[in-house]
Amino acid sequence: MKEDFQKELDSHSETRQKLSLVEKEAKSSSLMSMELEDYQKSIQALENGIAGKEKLLENARQESQVHLHGLQNMRKDMGEGITGNLKKIIIIIIIFFFF
């Protein structure tokens, strides 16, 4: 009877050790899952931040194109204005000197 009892105790002790090992593995697995979720959230936040920056960059590019087009039009208008003024001055000079 003592031997049976001792066998039961040994078996119980072994079962307890296995249970403890399984609990540790479960905690480790759970911890790894939580860390993985945190990494995924971090990656998603970074991707969202990058997407926001890319949108701002695209808006800035479009706005700079609008300004560049406006500057080109102004330069063209100024060139035409200067050319027109030079023509007027030349006509005035011609009229003044020849008439």
Protein backbone atom coordinates (compact mmCIF):
# COMPACT_ATOMS: atom_id res chain seq x y z
CA MET A 1 0.00 0.00 0.00
CA LYS A 2 2.86 2.37 0.76
CA GLU A 3 4.35 1.58 -2.59
CA ASP A 4 1.08 2.33 -4.34
CA PHE A 5 0.79 5.57 -2.43
CA GLN A 6 4.37 6.49 -3.32
CA LYS A 7 3.68 5.71 -6.99
CA GLU A 8 0.61 7.93 -6.87
CA LEU A 9 2.64 10.72 -5.28
CA ASP A 10 5.36 10.38 -7.90
CA SER A 11 2.78 10.32 -10.67
CA HIS A 12 1.05 13.36 -9.17
CA SER A 13 4.37 15.17 -8.88
CA GLU A 14 5.21 14.35 -12.49
CA THR A 15 1.78 15.49 -13.64
CA ARG A 16 2.21 18.70 -11.68
CA GLN A 17 5.57 19.36 -13.37
CA LYS A 18 4.06 18.73 -16.81
CA LEU A 19 1.18 21.06 -15.98
CA SER A 20 3.62 23.73 -14.82
CA LEU A 21 5.61 23.37 -18.05
CA VAL A 22 2.44 23.61 -20.17
CA GLU A 23 1.33 26.71 -18.22
CA LYS A 24 4.72 28.34 -18.83
CA GLU A 25 4.53 27.54 -22.53
CA ALA A 26 0.99 28.94 -22.69
CA LYS A 27 2.10 32.15 -20.96
CA SER A 28 5.06 32.42 -23.31
CA SER A 29 2.84 31.84 -26.33
CA SER A 30 0.32 34.38 -25.04
CA LEU A 31 3.11 36.89 -24.44
CA MET A 32 4.46 36.32 -27.94
CA SER A 33 0.97 36.82 -29.37
CA MET A 34 0.61 40.09 -27.47
CA GLU A 35 4.02 41.26 -28.68
CA LEU A 36 3.11 40.32 -32.23
CA GLU A 37 -0.13 42.32 -31.96
CA ASP A 38 1.84 45.30 -30.63
CA TYR A 39 4.29 45.05 -33.55
CA GLN A 40 1.41 44.84 -36.02
CA LYS A 41 -0.21 47.92 -34.46
CA SER A 42 3.10 49.77 -34.62
CA ILE A 43 3.56 48.83 -38.26
CA GLN A 44 0.02 49.93 -39.07
CA ALA A 45 0.59 53.26 -37.31
CA LEU A 46 3.83 53.78 -39.26
CA GLU A 47 2.12 52.90 -42.54
CA ASN A 48 -0.68 55.35 -41.76
CA GLY A 49 1.88 58.02 -40.96
CA ILE A 50 3.72 57.37 -44.22
CA ALA A 51 0.45 57.48 -46.18
CA GLY A 52 -0.37 60.83 -44.56
CA LYS A 53 3.07 62.21 -45.40
CA GLU A 54 2.77 60.97 -48.99
CA LYS A 55 -0.59 62.71 -49.32
CA LEU A 56 0.87 65.97 -47.96
CA LEU A 57 3.79 65.63 -50.37
CA GLU A 58 1.48 65.08 -53.33
CA ASN A 59 -0.61 68.11 -52.32
CA ALA A 60 2.56 70.21 -52.06
CA ARG A 61 3.67 69.02 -55.52
CA GLN A 62 0.32 69.93 -57.03
CA GLU A 63 0.37 73.34 -55.35
CA SER A 64 3.91 74.00 -56.57
CA GLN A 65 2.81 73.09 -60.12
CA VAL A 66 -0.02 75.61 -59.86
CA HIS A 67 2.42 78.31 -58.67
CA LEU A 68 4.95 77.40 -61.35
CA HIS A 69 2.28 77.65 -64.04
CA GLY A 70 1.25 81.04 -62.65
CA LEU A 71 4.84 82.26 -62.68
CA GLN A 72 5.29 81.09 -66.25
CA ASN A 73 2.15 82.99 -67.27
CA MET A 74 3.38 86.09 -65.46
CA ARG A 75 6.76 85.85 -67.18
CA LYS A 76 5.03 85.48 -70.54
CA ASP A 77 2.75 88.44 -69.82
CA MET A 78 5.69 90.56 -68.70
CA GLY A 79 7.63 89.63 -71.84
CA GLU A 80 4.70 90.58 -74.03
CA GLY A 81 4.29 93.79 -72.05
CA ILE A 82 7.93 94.71 -72.45
CA THR A 83 7.85 93.88 -76.16
CA GLY A 84 4.71 95.96 -76.60
CA ASN A 85 6.26 98.87 -74.72
CA LEU A 86 9.46 98.66 -76.76
CA LYS A 87 7.42 98.76 -79.97
CA LYS A 88 5.62 101.88 -78.72
CA ILE A 89 8.91 103.54 -77.79
CA ILE A 90 10.42 102.73 -81.19
CA ILE A 91 7.37 104.16 -82.96
CA ILE A 92 7.58 107.33 -80.85
CA ILE A 93 11.30 107.64 -81.61
CA ILE A 94 10.70 107.14 -85.32
CA ILE A 95 7.91 109.71 -85.34
CA PHE A 96 9.99 112.15 -83.32
CA PHE A 97 13.11 111.91 -85.46
CA PHE A 98 11.55 111.61 -88.88
CA PHE A 99 8.66 113.99 -88.65
